[in-house]
N, C-alpha and C. Protein backbone atom coordinates (compact mmCIF):
# COMPACT_ATOMS: atom_id res chain seq x y z
N MET A 1 3.27 6.88 -13.81
CA MET A 1 4.62 7.67 -13.29
C MET A 1 4.08 8.24 -11.99
N ALA A 2 5.27 7.72 -11.18
CA ALA A 2 5.26 8.16 -9.66
C ALA A 2 5.34 9.67 -9.74
N SER A 3 4.62 10.50 -8.62
CA SER A 3 4.81 11.81 -8.59
C SER A 3 5.96 12.17 -7.57
N THR A 4 6.51 13.42 -7.81
CA THR A 4 7.82 14.04 -6.96
C THR A 4 7.17 14.97 -5.97
N ARG A 5 5.90 14.89 -5.73
CA ARG A 5 5.26 15.80 -4.79
C ARG A 5 5.82 15.49 -3.50
N THR A 6 5.81 16.54 -2.53
CA THR A 6 5.99 16.35 -1.22
C THR A 6 5.15 17.03 -0.30
N ASP A 7 3.90 17.27 -0.67
CA ASP A 7 3.01 17.95 0.08
C ASP A 7 1.50 17.13 -0.09
N TRP A 8 1.50 15.95 -0.19
CA TRP A 8 0.43 14.99 -0.04
C TRP A 8 -0.44 15.32 1.32
N THR A 9 -1.71 15.31 1.25
CA THR A 9 -2.47 15.27 2.56
C THR A 9 -3.21 14.08 2.52
N ARG A 10 -3.81 13.87 3.83
CA ARG A 10 -4.54 12.79 4.04
C ARG A 10 -5.85 12.85 3.22
N ALA A 11 -6.54 13.85 2.93
CA ALA A 11 -7.63 14.09 2.07
C ALA A 11 -7.22 13.58 0.70
N GLU A 12 -6.08 13.92 0.14
CA GLU A 12 -5.78 13.58 -1.16
C GLU A 12 -5.62 12.17 -1.39
N ILE A 13 -4.97 11.61 -0.35
CA ILE A 13 -4.72 10.16 -0.34
C ILE A 13 -5.94 9.22 -0.30
N LEU A 14 -6.90 9.69 0.60
CA LEU A 14 -8.24 9.14 0.64
C LEU A 14 -8.90 9.19 -0.76
N SER A 15 -8.90 10.33 -1.24
CA SER A 15 -9.62 10.62 -2.55
C SER A 15 -9.03 9.79 -3.61
N GLY A 16 -7.76 9.56 -3.88
CA GLY A 16 -6.97 8.85 -4.52
C GLY A 16 -7.38 7.10 -4.50
N LEU A 17 -7.54 6.91 -3.15
CA LEU A 17 -7.93 5.50 -3.07
C LEU A 17 -9.24 5.30 -3.49
N HIS A 18 -10.06 6.12 -3.24
CA HIS A 18 -11.50 5.99 -3.51
C HIS A 18 -11.89 6.07 -5.09
N GLU A 19 -10.91 6.88 -5.95
CA GLU A 19 -11.23 7.29 -7.21
C GLU A 19 -10.48 6.56 -8.16
N SER A 20 -9.38 5.85 -7.76
CA SER A 20 -8.35 5.46 -8.98
C SER A 20 -7.76 4.02 -8.60
N PRO A 21 -8.32 2.95 -9.30
CA PRO A 21 -7.58 1.65 -9.17
C PRO A 21 -6.24 1.68 -9.25
N ALA A 22 -5.61 2.57 -10.19
CA ALA A 22 -4.16 2.63 -10.33
C ALA A 22 -3.48 3.07 -9.02
N PHE A 23 -4.17 4.02 -8.47
CA PHE A 23 -3.65 4.72 -7.11
C PHE A 23 -3.83 3.41 -6.08
N VAL A 24 -4.89 2.81 -5.96
CA VAL A 24 -4.88 1.68 -5.00
C VAL A 24 -3.77 0.84 -5.19
N TYR A 25 -3.55 0.28 -6.37
CA TYR A 25 -2.46 -0.61 -6.73
C TYR A 25 -1.05 0.03 -6.34
N ARG A 26 -0.78 1.19 -6.43
CA ARG A 26 0.51 1.81 -6.07
C ARG A 26 0.60 1.98 -4.59
N ALA A 27 -0.51 2.32 -3.79
CA ALA A 27 -0.45 2.34 -2.57
C ALA A 27 -0.32 1.19 -1.87
N LEU A 28 -0.88 -0.06 -2.48
CA LEU A 28 -0.63 -1.46 -2.00
C LEU A 28 0.82 -1.67 -1.89
N GLN A 29 1.43 -1.40 -3.09
CA GLN A 29 2.93 -1.79 -3.35
C GLN A 29 3.80 -1.04 -2.61
N ILE A 30 3.33 0.18 -2.15
CA ILE A 30 4.28 1.11 -1.16
C ILE A 30 4.17 0.48 0.25
N MET A 31 2.98 0.18 0.61
CA MET A 31 2.70 -0.43 1.97
C MET A 31 3.46 -1.72 2.00
N TYR A 32 3.39 -2.60 1.00
CA TYR A 32 4.05 -3.93 0.83
C TYR A 32 5.58 -3.76 1.06
N ALA A 33 6.23 -2.64 0.23
CA ALA A 33 7.56 -2.40 0.35
C ALA A 33 8.01 -2.04 1.77
N ARG A 34 6.89 -1.55 2.60
CA ARG A 34 7.48 -1.30 3.83
C ARG A 34 7.55 -2.33 4.84
N GLN A 35 6.84 -3.45 4.37
CA GLN A 35 7.17 -4.81 5.33
C GLN A 35 8.76 -5.18 5.15
N THR A 36 9.13 -5.93 6.26
CA THR A 36 10.53 -6.20 6.33
C THR A 36 10.79 -7.44 5.27
N ASP A 37 11.86 -7.75 4.81
CA ASP A 37 11.99 -8.89 4.12
C ASP A 37 11.59 -10.09 4.66
N ASP A 38 11.83 -10.36 5.71
CA ASP A 38 11.45 -11.63 6.43
C ASP A 38 9.82 -11.61 6.65
N GLU A 39 9.19 -10.43 6.57
CA GLU A 39 7.72 -10.48 6.79
C GLU A 39 7.14 -10.73 5.37
N GLN A 40 7.81 -10.11 4.13
CA GLN A 40 7.38 -10.46 2.91
C GLN A 40 7.38 -11.67 2.64
N ALA A 41 8.56 -12.41 2.98
CA ALA A 41 8.65 -13.93 2.69
C ALA A 41 7.72 -14.64 3.28
N ALA A 42 7.27 -14.33 4.61
CA ALA A 42 6.28 -15.26 5.42
C ALA A 42 4.92 -14.77 5.19
N GLY A 43 4.87 -13.68 4.63
CA GLY A 43 3.42 -13.11 4.44
C GLY A 43 2.66 -12.70 5.92
N VAL A 44 3.59 -12.42 6.72
CA VAL A 44 2.81 -12.09 8.03
C VAL A 44 3.76 -10.58 8.80
N THR A 45 3.09 -10.18 9.83
CA THR A 45 3.88 -9.01 10.40
C THR A 45 4.49 -9.75 11.77
N ALA A 46 5.82 -9.61 11.59
CA ALA A 46 6.71 -10.21 12.74
C ALA A 46 7.38 -9.04 13.62
N HIS A 47 7.26 -7.89 13.19
CA HIS A 47 7.91 -6.92 14.03
C HIS A 47 6.96 -5.82 14.24
N ASP A 48 6.91 -5.53 15.53
CA ASP A 48 5.94 -4.42 16.01
C ASP A 48 6.66 -2.90 15.93
N ASN A 49 6.74 -2.54 14.72
CA ASN A 49 7.47 -1.44 14.28
C ASN A 49 6.82 -0.31 13.87
N GLY A 50 5.35 -0.38 13.76
CA GLY A 50 4.66 0.52 13.27
C GLY A 50 4.82 1.04 11.82
N VAL A 51 5.26 0.14 11.11
CA VAL A 51 5.57 0.38 9.45
C VAL A 51 4.90 -0.89 8.88
N GLY A 52 4.39 -0.56 7.76
CA GLY A 52 3.78 -1.72 6.78
C GLY A 52 2.49 -2.23 7.53
N PHE A 53 2.07 -3.43 7.04
CA PHE A 53 0.82 -3.90 7.43
C PHE A 53 0.71 -4.28 9.01
N ASN A 54 -0.59 -4.26 9.42
CA ASN A 54 -0.90 -4.94 10.78
C ASN A 54 -0.88 -6.38 10.70
N GLY A 55 -1.00 -7.03 11.84
CA GLY A 55 -1.04 -8.56 11.74
C GLY A 55 -2.36 -9.03 11.21
N THR A 56 -3.32 -8.45 11.42
CA THR A 56 -4.56 -8.89 10.64
C THR A 56 -4.55 -8.83 9.20
N ASP A 57 -3.92 -7.79 8.56
CA ASP A 57 -3.86 -7.72 7.00
C ASP A 57 -2.85 -8.06 6.35
N ALA A 58 -1.78 -8.42 7.06
CA ALA A 58 -0.52 -8.86 6.65
C ALA A 58 -0.53 -9.97 5.45
N GLU A 59 -1.31 -11.17 5.84
CA GLU A 59 -1.33 -12.27 5.05
C GLU A 59 -2.12 -11.88 3.79
N PHE A 60 -3.17 -11.24 3.90
CA PHE A 60 -4.16 -10.88 2.71
C PHE A 60 -3.48 -10.04 1.76
N LEU A 61 -3.08 -8.73 2.31
CA LEU A 61 -2.43 -7.93 1.56
C LEU A 61 -1.08 -8.34 0.96
N SER A 62 -0.37 -8.84 1.57
CA SER A 62 0.93 -9.37 1.07
C SER A 62 0.68 -10.45 -0.16
N SER A 63 -0.25 -11.27 -0.06
CA SER A 63 -0.59 -12.12 -0.91
C SER A 63 -1.03 -11.38 -2.37
N VAL A 64 -1.96 -10.44 -1.99
CA VAL A 64 -2.56 -9.61 -3.10
C VAL A 64 -1.46 -8.77 -3.93
N ALA A 65 -0.53 -8.20 -3.03
CA ALA A 65 0.58 -7.52 -3.71
C ALA A 65 1.46 -8.33 -4.47
N GLU A 66 1.90 -9.47 -4.06
CA GLU A 66 2.85 -10.28 -4.68
C GLU A 66 2.07 -10.91 -6.04
N ARG A 67 0.97 -11.33 -6.02
CA ARG A 67 0.32 -11.73 -7.02
C ARG A 67 -0.15 -10.75 -8.19
N SER A 68 -0.29 -9.62 -7.67
CA SER A 68 -0.53 -8.51 -8.70
C SER A 68 0.65 -7.92 -9.41
N LYS A 69 1.82 -8.09 -8.81
CA LYS A 69 2.92 -7.54 -9.24
C LYS A 69 3.22 -7.88 -10.95
N PRO A 70 3.09 -9.06 -11.48
CA PRO A 70 3.34 -9.38 -12.72
C PRO A 70 2.47 -8.55 -13.75
N TYR A 71 1.04 -8.23 -13.22
CA TYR A 71 0.17 -7.57 -14.03
C TYR A 71 0.11 -6.21 -13.94
N GLY A 72 0.80 -5.51 -12.83
CA GLY A 72 0.89 -4.15 -12.67
C GLY A 72 -0.54 -3.55 -12.24
N LYS A 73 -1.54 -4.32 -11.98
CA LYS A 73 -2.85 -3.80 -11.70
C LYS A 73 -3.51 -4.89 -10.74
N LEU A 74 -4.66 -4.27 -10.18
CA LEU A 74 -5.58 -5.27 -9.46
C LEU A 74 -6.85 -5.62 -10.16
N THR A 75 -7.57 -6.90 -9.98
CA THR A 75 -8.75 -7.06 -10.48
C THR A 75 -9.73 -6.15 -9.71
N THR A 76 -11.01 -5.91 -10.29
CA THR A 76 -11.87 -5.10 -9.65
C THR A 76 -12.18 -5.63 -8.22
N ARG A 77 -12.35 -6.81 -8.15
CA ARG A 77 -12.52 -7.58 -6.64
C ARG A 77 -11.49 -7.25 -5.86
N GLN A 78 -10.26 -7.30 -6.29
CA GLN A 78 -9.16 -7.26 -5.50
C GLN A 78 -9.03 -5.69 -5.09
N CYS A 79 -9.20 -4.79 -5.87
CA CYS A 79 -9.19 -3.33 -5.84
C CYS A 79 -10.18 -2.88 -4.71
N ASP A 80 -11.46 -3.31 -4.73
CA ASP A 80 -12.30 -3.23 -3.72
C ASP A 80 -11.87 -3.65 -2.27
N ALA A 81 -11.48 -4.83 -2.18
CA ALA A 81 -11.02 -5.37 -0.92
C ALA A 81 -9.89 -4.48 -0.44
N VAL A 82 -8.68 -4.31 -1.26
CA VAL A 82 -7.52 -3.60 -0.80
C VAL A 82 -7.99 -2.01 -0.60
N ARG A 83 -8.84 -1.65 -1.15
CA ARG A 83 -9.22 -0.22 -0.93
C ARG A 83 -9.62 -0.10 0.59
N ARG A 84 -10.56 -1.07 0.81
CA ARG A 84 -11.17 -0.92 2.26
C ARG A 84 -10.12 -1.08 3.28
N ALA A 85 -9.15 -2.14 3.05
CA ALA A 85 -8.18 -2.28 4.05
C ALA A 85 -7.20 -1.25 3.99
N LEU A 86 -6.73 -0.45 3.04
CA LEU A 86 -5.84 0.52 2.88
C LEU A 86 -6.02 1.88 3.70
N VAL A 87 -7.36 2.12 3.67
CA VAL A 87 -7.79 3.22 4.42
C VAL A 87 -7.22 3.48 5.87
N LYS A 88 -6.87 2.50 6.68
CA LYS A 88 -6.34 2.48 8.03
C LYS A 88 -4.81 2.82 7.94
N TYR A 89 -4.35 2.89 6.59
CA TYR A 89 -2.83 3.05 6.40
C TYR A 89 -2.53 4.47 5.96
N VAL A 90 -3.50 5.31 5.72
CA VAL A 90 -3.63 6.51 5.08
C VAL A 90 -2.41 7.32 5.67
N GLY A 91 -2.02 7.37 7.06
CA GLY A 91 -1.05 8.14 7.61
C GLY A 91 0.52 7.58 7.18
N GLN A 92 0.46 6.42 7.13
CA GLN A 92 1.81 5.68 6.57
C GLN A 92 2.02 6.16 5.06
N LEU A 93 1.00 6.19 4.40
CA LEU A 93 0.85 6.55 2.86
C LEU A 93 1.22 7.95 2.61
N VAL A 94 0.81 8.82 3.60
CA VAL A 94 1.22 10.20 3.41
C VAL A 94 2.54 10.41 3.61
N SER A 95 3.14 9.74 4.79
CA SER A 95 4.52 9.89 5.13
C SER A 95 5.35 9.26 3.90
N ALA A 96 5.08 8.11 3.35
CA ALA A 96 5.69 7.48 2.15
C ALA A 96 5.70 8.57 1.10
N ALA A 97 4.74 8.94 0.70
CA ALA A 97 4.54 9.82 -0.50
C ALA A 97 5.35 11.14 -0.24
N ASN A 98 5.33 11.68 1.03
CA ASN A 98 6.09 12.96 1.12
C ASN A 98 7.55 12.78 1.39
N SER A 99 7.89 11.61 1.59
CA SER A 99 9.28 11.37 1.97
C SER A 99 10.08 10.72 0.54
N GLY A 100 9.18 10.61 -0.48
CA GLY A 100 9.91 10.24 -1.72
C GLY A 100 10.34 8.75 -1.71
N GLU A 101 9.52 7.90 -0.93
CA GLU A 101 9.81 6.45 -1.00
C GLU A 101 9.87 5.92 -2.40
N LYS A 102 10.72 4.83 -2.55
CA LYS A 102 10.30 4.22 -3.78
C LYS A 102 8.94 3.75 -4.12
N ALA A 103 8.55 3.81 -5.22
CA ALA A 103 7.20 3.59 -5.74
C ALA A 103 6.06 4.50 -5.14
N ALA A 104 6.71 5.68 -5.02
CA ALA A 104 5.64 6.87 -4.50
C ALA A 104 4.43 6.99 -5.14
N LEU A 105 3.41 7.62 -4.73
CA LEU A 105 2.37 7.70 -5.30
C LEU A 105 2.31 8.80 -6.43
């Protein structure tokens, strides 16, 4: 269940990423939802808007986000790779969690 908190910190987001596969999955889906529709469709970053994945991560993380949706979770291998990639998006995740975005942590 998503939290309704509005006081998430960077440390709490990092802790969640390192401790909970379910948290990693939710964080991935939040970041994927921040991609524009055309970016999601193409699996790339097409807009330099400071939101969503960067160009380096877009293809891989978009693919994992889409493929994992039917299962509602990540495999252990996916979780490890996604966790490493999501660390650079902690600022966006804090913002998303504290603003109550859809699929909040």
